[in-house]
PDB file of N, CA and C in Angstrom:
ATOM      1  N   MET A   1     -53.605  87.987  15.995  1.00  0.00           N
ATOM      2  CA  MET A   1     -52.522  88.382  15.121  1.00  0.00           C
ATOM      3  C   MET A   1     -52.214  89.863  15.336  1.00  0.00           C
ATOM      4  N   ALA A   2     -50.968  90.221  15.200  1.00  0.00           N
ATOM      5  CA  ALA A   2     -50.525  91.589  15.429  1.00  0.00           C
ATOM      6  C   ALA A   2     -51.025  92.505  14.319  1.00  0.00           C
ATOM      7  N   THR A   3     -51.473  93.703  14.693  1.00  0.00           N
ATOM      8  CA  THR A   3     -51.945  94.661  13.699  1.00  0.00           C
ATOM      9  C   THR A   3     -51.081  95.917  13.655  1.00  0.00           C
ATOM     10  N   HIS A   4     -50.490  96.324  14.771  1.00  0.00           N
ATOM     11  CA  HIS A   4     -49.609  97.496  14.772  1.00  0.00           C
ATOM     12  C   HIS A   4     -48.260  97.120  14.171  1.00  0.00           C
ATOM     13  N   LYS A   5     -47.607  98.119  13.607  1.00  0.00           N
ATOM     14  CA  LYS A   5     -46.316  97.888  12.968  1.00  0.00           C
ATOM     15  C   LYS A   5     -45.292  97.353  13.976  1.00  0.00           C
ATOM     16  N   SER A   6     -45.275  97.948  15.161  1.00  0.00           N
ATOM     17  CA  SER A   6     -44.316  97.510  16.184  1.00  0.00           C
ATOM     18  C   SER A   6     -44.640  96.110  16.685  1.00  0.00           C
ATOM     19  N   ALA A   7     -45.918  95.782  16.774  1.00  0.00           N
ATOM     20  CA  ALA A   7     -46.329  94.447  17.222  1.00  0.00           C
ATOM     21  C   ALA A   7     -45.966  93.388  16.187  1.00  0.00           C
ATOM     22  N   MET A   8     -46.062  93.763  14.899  1.00  0.00           N
ATOM     23  CA  MET A   8     -45.675  92.820  13.844  1.00  0.00           C
ATOM     24  C   MET A   8     -44.175  92.559  13.885  1.00  0.00           C
ATOM     25  N   LYS A   9     -43.408  93.606  14.114  1.00  0.00           N
ATOM     26  CA  LYS A   9     -41.953  93.448  14.214  1.00  0.00           C
ATOM     27  C   LYS A   9     -41.608  92.570  15.417  1.00  0.00           C
ATOM     28  N   ARG A  10     -42.273  92.828  16.528  1.00  0.00           N
ATOM     29  CA  ARG A  10     -42.024  92.046  17.746  1.00  0.00           C
ATOM     30  C   ARG A  10     -42.360  90.578  17.512  1.00  0.00           C
ATOM     31  N   ALA A  11     -43.446  90.293  16.826  1.00  0.00           N
ATOM     32  CA  ALA A  11     -43.840  88.902  16.534  1.00  0.00           C
ATOM     33  C   ALA A  11     -42.789  88.220  15.671  1.00  0.00           C
ATOM     34  N   LYS A  12     -42.247  88.956  14.684  1.00  0.00           N
ATOM     35  CA  LYS A  12     -41.208  88.401  13.816  1.00  0.00           C
ATOM     36  C   LYS A  12     -39.933  88.116  14.608  1.00  0.00           C
ATOM     37  N   GLN A  13     -39.581  89.032  15.506  1.00  0.00           N
ATOM     38  CA  GLN A  13     -38.394  88.836  16.345  1.00  0.00           C
ATOM     39  C   GLN A  13     -38.563  87.627  17.255  1.00  0.00           C
ATOM     40  N   ASN A  14     -39.766  87.509  17.822  1.00  0.00           N
ATOM     41  CA  ASN A  14     -40.027  86.375  18.718  1.00  0.00           C
ATOM     42  C   ASN A  14     -39.923  85.047  17.981  1.00  0.00           C
ATOM     43  N   THR A  15     -40.397  85.013  16.745  1.00  0.00           N
ATOM     44  CA  THR A  15     -40.317  83.786  15.953  1.00  0.00           C
ATOM     45  C   THR A  15     -38.862  83.401  15.695  1.00  0.00           C
ATOM     46  N   LYS A  16     -38.042  84.390  15.317  1.00  0.00           N
ATOM     47  CA  LYS A  16     -36.630  84.130  15.053  1.00  0.00           C
ATOM     48  C   LYS A  16     -35.917  83.655  16.314  1.00  0.00           C
ATOM     49  N   ARG A  17     -36.196  84.324  17.435  1.00  0.00           N
ATOM     50  CA  ARG A  17     -35.557  83.944  18.695  1.00  0.00           C
ATOM     51  C   ARG A  17     -35.991  82.550  19.130  1.00  0.00           C
ATOM     52  N   ASN A  18     -37.272  82.246  18.918  1.00  0.00           N
ATOM     53  CA  ASN A  18     -37.799  80.935  19.295  1.00  0.00           C
ATOM     54  C   ASN A  18     -37.083  79.827  18.529  1.00  0.00           C
ATOM     55  N   LEU A  19     -36.875  80.024  17.228  1.00  0.00           N
ATOM     56  CA  LEU A  19     -36.167  79.029  16.429  1.00  0.00           C
ATOM     57  C   LEU A  19     -34.729  78.862  16.908  1.00  0.00           C
ATOM     58  N   ARG A  20     -34.067  79.981  17.184  1.00  0.00           N
ATOM     59  CA  ARG A  20     -32.678  79.928  17.637  1.00  0.00           C
ATOM     60  C   ARG A  20     -32.586  79.218  18.983  1.00  0.00           C
ATOM     61  N   ASN A  21     -33.468  79.608  19.908  1.00  0.00           N
ATOM     62  CA  ASN A  21     -33.438  78.988  21.237  1.00  0.00           C
ATOM     63  C   ASN A  21     -33.787  77.510  21.173  1.00  0.00           C
ATOM     64  N   LYS A  22     -34.716  77.157  20.284  1.00  0.00           N
ATOM     65  CA  LYS A  22     -35.116  75.755  20.165  1.00  0.00           C
ATOM     66  C   LYS A  22     -33.947  74.890  19.713  1.00  0.00           C
ATOM     67  N   SER A  23     -33.164  75.386  18.755  1.00  0.00           N
ATOM     68  CA  SER A  23     -32.030  74.601  18.275  1.00  0.00           C
ATOM     69  C   SER A  23     -30.971  74.458  19.365  1.00  0.00           C
ATOM     70  N   VAL A  24     -30.769  75.514  20.145  1.00  0.00           N
ATOM     71  CA  VAL A  24     -29.784  75.452  21.233  1.00  0.00           C
ATOM     72  C   VAL A  24     -30.244  74.461  22.297  1.00  0.00           C
ATOM     73  N   ARG A  25     -31.525  74.535  22.671  1.00  0.00           N
ATOM     74  CA  ARG A  25     -32.052  73.620  23.692  1.00  0.00           C
ATOM     75  C   ARG A  25     -32.022  72.168  23.212  1.00  0.00           C
ATOM     76  N   THR A  26     -32.276  71.945  21.920  1.00  0.00           N
ATOM     77  CA  THR A  26     -32.224  70.600  21.363  1.00  0.00           C
ATOM     78  C   THR A  26     -30.808  70.048  21.436  1.00  0.00           C
ATOM     79  N   ARG A  27     -29.830  70.904  21.163  1.00  0.00           N
ATOM     80  CA  ARG A  27     -28.431  70.489  21.239  1.00  0.00           C
ATOM     81  C   ARG A  27     -28.053  70.116  22.677  1.00  0.00           C
ATOM     82  N   VAL A  28     -28.565  70.883  23.634  1.00  0.00           N
ATOM     83  CA  VAL A  28     -28.306  70.585  25.052  1.00  0.00           C
ATOM     84  C   VAL A  28     -28.906  69.230  25.413  1.00  0.00           C
ATOM     85  N   LYS A  29     -30.142  69.003  24.978  1.00  0.00           N
ATOM     86  CA  LYS A  29     -30.794  67.726  25.289  1.00  0.00           C
ATOM     87  C   LYS A  29     -30.026  66.552  24.705  1.00  0.00           C
ATOM     88  N   GLY A  30     -29.518  66.713  23.485  1.00  0.00           N
ATOM     89  CA  GLY A  30     -28.743  65.651  22.854  1.00  0.00           C
ATOM     90  C   GLY A  30     -27.464  65.349  23.606  1.00  0.00           C
ATOM     91  N   ALA A  31     -26.790  66.399  24.075  1.00  0.00           N
ATOM     92  CA  ALA A  31     -25.547  66.214  24.829  1.00  0.00           C
ATOM     93  C   ALA A  31     -25.823  65.492  26.144  1.00  0.00           C
ATOM     94  N   ILE A  32     -26.899  65.887  26.811  1.00  0.00           N
ATOM     95  CA  ILE A  32     -27.266  65.254  28.086  1.00  0.00           C
ATOM     96  C   ILE A  32     -27.644  63.794  27.861  1.00  0.00           C
ATOM     97  N   LYS A  33     -28.367  63.542  26.770  1.00  0.00           N
ATOM     98  CA  LYS A  33     -28.778  62.176  26.465  1.00  0.00           C
ATOM     99  C   LYS A  33     -27.569  61.279  26.222  1.00  0.00           C
ATOM    100  N   ALA A  34     -26.529  61.831  25.576  1.00  0.00           N
ATOM    101  CA  ALA A  34     -25.316  61.047  25.312  1.00  0.00           C
ATOM    102  C   ALA A  34     -24.624  60.675  26.619  1.00  0.00           C
ATOM    103  N   VAL A  35     -24.564  61.617  27.555  1.00  0.00           N
ATOM    104  CA  VAL A  35     -23.934  61.340  28.854  1.00  0.00           C
ATOM    105  C   VAL A  35     -24.733  60.283  29.606  1.00  0.00           C
ATOM    106  N   ARG A  36     -26.053  60.445  29.613  1.00  0.00           N
ATOM    107  CA  ARG A  36     -26.900  59.481  30.332  1.00  0.00           C
ATOM    108  C   ARG A  36     -26.819  58.089  29.721  1.00  0.00           C
ATOM    109  N   ALA A  37     -26.702  58.019  28.406  1.00  0.00           N
ATOM    110  CA  ALA A  37     -26.576  56.711  27.743  1.00  0.00           C
ATOM    111  C   ALA A  37     -25.275  56.037  28.148  1.00  0.00           C
ATOM    112  N   SER A  38     -24.207  56.810  28.261  1.00  0.00           N
ATOM    113  CA  SER A  38     -22.919  56.258  28.695  1.00  0.00           C
ATOM    114  C   SER A  38     -22.992  55.781  30.138  1.00  0.00           C
ATOM    115  N   ILE A  39     -23.723  56.517  30.958  1.00  0.00           N
ATOM    116  CA  ILE A  39     -23.883  56.130  32.362  1.00  0.00           C
ATOM    117  C   ILE A  39     -24.684  54.826  32.444  1.00  0.00           C
ATOM    118  N   GLU A  40     -25.750  54.725  31.645  1.00  0.00           N
ATOM    119  CA  GLU A  40     -26.564  53.508  31.627  1.00  0.00           C
ATOM    120  C   GLU A  40     -25.748  52.302  31.169  1.00  0.00           C
ATOM    121  N   ALA A  41     -24.825  52.527  30.229  1.00  0.00           N
ATOM    122  CA  ALA A  41     -23.992  51.444  29.712  1.00  0.00           C
ATOM    123  C   ALA A  41     -22.844  51.111  30.657  1.00  0.00           C
ATOM    124  N   LYS A  42     -22.742  51.844  31.756  1.00  0.00           N
ATOM    125  CA  LYS A  42     -21.700  51.655  32.779  1.00  0.00           C
ATOM    126  C   LYS A  42     -20.299  51.834  32.187  1.00  0.00           C
ATOM    127  N   SER A  43     -20.188  52.743  31.233  1.00  0.00           N
ATOM    128  CA  SER A  43     -18.909  53.041  30.602  1.00  0.00           C
ATOM    129  C   SER A  43     -18.370  54.348  31.186  1.00  0.00           C
ATOM    130  N   ALA A  44     -17.482  54.236  32.167  1.00  0.00           N
ATOM    131  CA  ALA A  44     -16.996  55.416  32.888  1.00  0.00           C
ATOM    132  C   ALA A  44     -16.160  56.325  31.995  1.00  0.00           C
ATOM    133  N   ASP A  45     -15.290  55.747  31.184  1.00  0.00           N
ATOM    134  CA  ASP A  45     -14.438  56.565  30.319  1.00  0.00           C
ATOM    135  C   ASP A  45     -15.262  57.323  29.282  1.00  0.00           C
ATOM    136  N   LYS A  46     -16.210  56.636  28.669  1.00  0.00           N
ATOM    137  CA  LYS A  46     -17.061  57.283  27.664  1.00  0.00           C
ATOM    138  C   LYS A  46     -17.936  58.347  28.313  1.00  0.00           C
ATOM    139  N   ALA A  47     -18.411  58.080  29.534  1.00  0.00           N
ATOM    140  CA  ALA A  47     -19.245  59.050  30.235  1.00  0.00           C
ATOM    141  C   ALA A  47     -18.451  60.323  30.546  1.00  0.00           C
ATOM    142  N   LYS A  48     -17.195  60.156  30.976  1.00  0.00           N
ATOM    143  CA  LYS A  48     -16.355  61.328  31.250  1.00  0.00           C
ATOM    144  C   LYS A  48     -16.103  62.125  29.981  1.00  0.00           C
ATOM    145  N   ALA A  49     -15.846  61.421  28.873  1.00  0.00           N
ATOM    146  CA  ALA A  49     -15.604  62.104  27.602  1.00  0.00           C
ATOM    147  C   ALA A  49     -16.857  62.853  27.137  1.00  0.00           C
ATOM    148  N   ASP A  50     -18.008  62.210  27.274  1.00  0.00           N
ATOM    149  CA  ASP A  50     -19.260  62.856  26.886  1.00  0.00           C
ATOM    150  C   ASP A  50     -19.569  64.044  27.784  1.00  0.00           C
ATOM    151  N   LEU A  51     -19.215  63.931  29.059  1.00  0.00           N
ATOM    152  CA  LEU A  51     -19.458  65.037  29.987  1.00  0.00           C
ATOM    153  C   LEU A  51     -18.604  66.248  29.637  1.00  0.00           C
ATOM    154  N   THR A  52     -17.356  66.009  29.248  1.00  0.00           N
ATOM    155  CA  THR A  52     -16.490  67.135  28.880  1.00  0.00           C
ATOM    156  C   THR A  52     -16.975  67.815  27.596  1.00  0.00           C
ATOM    157  N   VAL A  53     -17.716  67.090  26.766  1.00  0.00           N
ATOM    158  CA  VAL A  53     -18.319  67.699  25.582  1.00  0.00           C
ATOM    159  C   VAL A  53     -19.607  68.438  25.958  1.00  0.00           C
ATOM    160  N   ALA A  54     -20.369  67.873  26.893  1.00  0.00           N
ATOM    161  CA  ALA A  54     -21.679  68.426  27.243  1.00  0.00           C
ATOM    162  C   ALA A  54     -21.593  69.713  28.062  1.00  0.00           C
ATOM    163  N   ILE A  55     -20.610  69.805  28.949  1.00  0.00           N
ATOM    164  CA  ILE A  55     -20.532  70.964  29.845  1.00  0.00           C
ATOM    165  C   ILE A  55     -20.425  72.282  29.072  1.00  0.00           C
ATOM    166  N   PRO A  56     -19.524  72.415  28.097  1.00  0.00           N
ATOM    167  CA  PRO A  56     -19.482  73.695  27.368  1.00  0.00           C
ATOM    168  C   PRO A  56     -20.752  73.997  26.581  1.00  0.00           C
ATOM    169  N   ILE A  57     -21.414  72.963  26.080  1.00  0.00           N
ATOM    170  CA  ILE A  57     -22.662  73.169  25.343  1.00  0.00           C
ATOM    171  C   ILE A  57     -23.723  73.735  26.278  1.00  0.00           C
ATOM    172  N   ILE A  58     -23.825  73.174  27.480  1.00  0.00           N
ATOM    173  CA  ILE A  58     -24.807  73.639  28.452  1.00  0.00           C
ATOM    174  C   ILE A  58     -24.476  75.061  28.908  1.00  0.00           C
ATOM    175  N   GLN A  59     -23.201  75.327  29.171  1.00  0.00           N
ATOM    176  CA  GLN A  59     -22.805  76.663  29.610  1.00  0.00           C
ATOM    177  C   GLN A  59     -23.072  77.707  28.536  1.00  0.00           C
ATOM    178  N   LYS A  60     -22.820  77.356  27.284  1.00  0.00           N
ATOM    179  CA  LYS A  60     -23.051  78.301  26.195  1.00  0.00           C
ATOM    180  C   LYS A  60     -24.539  78.601  26.046  1.00  0.00           C
ATOM    181  N   ALA A  61     -25.382  77.590  26.257  1.00  0.00           N
ATOM    182  CA  ALA A  61     -26.826  77.808  26.182  1.00  0.00           C
ATOM    183  C   ALA A  61     -27.285  78.778  27.271  1.00  0.00           C
ATOM    184  N   ALA A  62     -26.692  78.654  28.460  1.00  0.00           N
ATOM    185  CA  ALA A  62     -27.032  79.567  29.549  1.00  0.00           C
ATOM    186  C   ALA A  62     -26.522  80.974  29.248  1.00  0.00           C
ATOM    187  N   GLN A  63     -25.353  81.047  28.662  1.00  0.00           N
ATOM    188  CA  GLN A  63     -24.757  82.335  28.328  1.00  0.00           C
ATOM    189  C   GLN A  63     -25.601  83.076  27.286  1.00  0.00           C
ATOM    190  N   LYS A  64     -26.150  82.324  26.343  1.00  0.00           N
ATOM    191  CA  LYS A  64     -26.981  82.927  25.302  1.00  0.00           C
ATOM    192  C   LYS A  64     -28.371  83.280  25.812  1.00  0.00           C
ATOM    193  N   GLY A  65     -28.754  82.735  26.966  1.00  0.00           N
ATOM    194  CA  GLY A  65     -30.068  83.024  27.518  1.00  0.00           C
ATOM    195  C   GLY A  65     -31.133  82.034  27.091  1.00  0.00           C
ATOM    196  N   SER A  66     -30.740  80.958  26.431  1.00  0.00           N
ATOM    197  CA  SER A  66     -31.722  79.960  26.006  1.00  0.00           C
ATOM    198  C   SER A  66     -32.256  79.170  27.193  1.00  0.00           C
ATOM    199  N   ILE A  67     -31.401  78.929  28.173  1.00  0.00           N
ATOM    200  CA  ILE A  67     -31.838  78.316  29.427  1.00  0.00           C
ATOM    201  C   ILE A  67     -31.338  79.180  30.576  1.00  0.00           C
ATOM    202  N   HIS A  68     -31.966  79.068  31.717  1.00  0.00           N
ATOM    203  CA  HIS A  68     -31.587  79.867  32.886  1.00  0.00           C
ATOM    204  C   HIS A  68     -30.239  79.391  33.427  1.00  0.00           C
ATOM    205  N   PRO A  69     -29.399  80.298  33.888  1.00  0.00           N
ATOM    206  CA  PRO A  69     -28.086  79.893  34.421  1.00  0.00           C
ATOM    207  C   PRO A  69     -28.171  78.883  35.567  1.00  0.00           C
ATOM    208  N   ASN A  70     -29.174  79.030  36.426  1.00  0.00           N
ATOM    209  CA  ASN A  70     -29.324  78.061  37.521  1.00  0.00           C
ATOM    210  C   ASN A  70     -29.701  76.680  36.977  1.00  0.00           C
ATOM    211  N   ASN A  71     -30.509  76.663  35.934  1.00  0.00           N
ATOM    212  CA  ASN A  71     -30.885  75.408  35.289  1.00  0.00           C
ATOM    213  C   ASN A  71     -29.648  74.726  34.714  1.00  0.00           C
ATOM    214  N   ALA A  72     -28.785  75.501  34.072  1.00  0.00           N
ATOM    215  CA  ALA A  72     -27.552  74.959  33.507  1.00  0.00           C
ATOM    216  C   ALA A  72     -26.658  74.397  34.606  1.00  0.00           C
ATOM    217  N   SER A  73     -26.509  75.146  35.690  1.00  0.00           N
ATOM    218  CA  SER A  73     -25.677  74.693  36.803  1.00  0.00           C
ATOM    219  C   SER A  73     -26.216  73.405  37.396  1.00  0.00           C
ATOM    220  N   ARG A  74     -27.526  73.327  37.520  1.00  0.00           N
ATOM    221  CA  ARG A  74     -28.148  72.130  38.086  1.00  0.00           C
ATOM    222  C   ARG A  74     -27.910  70.922  37.182  1.00  0.00           C
ATOM    223  N   LYS A  75     -28.069  71.099  35.878  1.00  0.00           N
ATOM    224  CA  LYS A  75     -27.847  69.993  34.939  1.00  0.00           C
ATOM    225  C   LYS A  75     -26.397  69.513  34.997  1.00  0.00           C
ATOM    226  N   ILE A  76     -25.457  70.457  34.992  1.00  0.00           N
ATOM    227  CA  ILE A  76     -24.035  70.113  35.039  1.00  0.00           C
ATOM    228  C   ILE A  76     -23.706  69.397  36.339  1.00  0.00           C
ATOM    229  N   SER A  77     -24.230  69.910  37.443  1.00  0.00           N
ATOM    230  CA  SER A  77     -23.952  69.323  38.751  1.00  0.00           C
ATOM    231  C   SER A  77     -24.468  67.891  38.834  1.00  0.00           C
ATOM    232  N   ARG A  78     -25.684  67.673  38.387  1.00  0.00           N
ATOM    233  CA  ARG A  78     -26.273  66.336  38.490  1.00  0.00           C
ATOM    234  C   ARG A  78     -25.550  65.336  37.593  1.00  0.00           C
ATOM    235  N   LEU A  79     -25.214  65.768  36.380  1.00  0.00           N
ATOM    236  CA  LEU A  79     -24.493  64.877  35.478  1.00  0.00           C
ATOM    237  C   LEU A  79     -23.114  64.544  36.035  1.00  0.00           C
ATOM    238  N   THR A  80     -22.428  65.543  36.586  1.00  0.00           N
ATOM    239  CA  THR A  80     -21.099  65.335  37.147  1.00  0.00           C
ATOM    240  C   THR A  80     -21.148  64.356  38.314  1.00  0.00           C
ATOM    241  N   ARG A  81     -22.153  64.530  39.169  1.00  0.00           N
ATOM    242  CA  ARG A  81     -22.290  63.607  40.308  1.00  0.00           C
ATOM    243  C   ARG A  81     -22.538  62.180  39.832  1.00  0.00           C
ATOM    244  N   GLN A  82     -23.354  62.009  38.807  1.00  0.00           N
ATOM    245  CA  GLN A  82     -23.637  60.670  38.296  1.00  0.00           C
ATOM    246  C   GLN A  82     -22.396  60.027  37.676  1.00  0.00           C
ATOM    247  N   VAL A  83     -21.625  60.832  36.940  1.00  0.00           N
ATOM    248  CA  VAL A  83     -20.404  60.304  36.323  1.00  0.00           C
ATOM    249  C   VAL A  83     -19.386  59.948  37.399  1.00  0.00           C
ATOM    250  N   ASN A  84     -19.252  60.812  38.400  1.00  0.00           N
ATOM    251  CA  ASN A  84     -18.308  60.535  39.489  1.00  0.00           C
ATOM    252  C   ASN A  84     -18.702  59.289  40.273  1.00  0.00           C
ATOM    253  N   ALA A  85     -19.995  59.109  40.491  1.00  0.00           N
ATOM    254  CA  ALA A  85     -20.462  57.910  41.203  1.00  0.00           C
ATOM    255  C   ALA A  85     -20.171  56.659  40.381  1.00  0.00           C
ATOM    256  N   LEU A  86     -20.300  56.779  39.062  1.00  0.00           N
ATOM    257  CA  LEU A  86     -20.025  55.635  38.187  1.00  0.00           C
ATOM    258  C   LEU A  86     -18.547  55.276  38.211  1.00  0.00           C
ATOM    259  N   SER A  87     -17.682  56.280  38.169  1.00  0.00           N
ATOM    260  CA  SER A  87     -16.242  56.013  38.143  1.00  0.00           C
ATOM    261  C   SER A  87     -15.747  55.543  39.507  1.00  0.00           C
ATOM    262  N   ALA A  88     -16.430  55.925  40.591  1.00  0.00           N
ATOM    263  CA  ALA A  88     -16.018  55.510  41.923  1.00  0.00           C
ATOM    264  C   ALA A  88     -16.347  54.026  42.175  1.00  0.00           C
ATOM    265  N   SER A  89     -17.437  53.564  41.567  1.00  0.00           N
ATOM    266  CA  SER A  89     -17.843  52.169  41.819  1.00  0.00           C
ATOM    267  C   SER A  89     -17.181  51.187  40.884  1.00  0.00           C
TER     268      SER A  89
END
């Protein structure tokens, strides 16, 4: 446990940031899960609609620093490829 005044402040800041980042990451996971569920159901229109909702959520998480920008790009790229493959077939 922190004993210095600055260490206690840092611990409090880390706790607040952790909660904020956790909620953002949870929202990203939910958006991705919705897209994947649409892909599993072979619903191309619903998958495209879910993807257009998920992309800004993922980008905003990267912008806030909750996830790494490369991680966000990779998630968006993979989801887009899966949706495009579904609509092509």
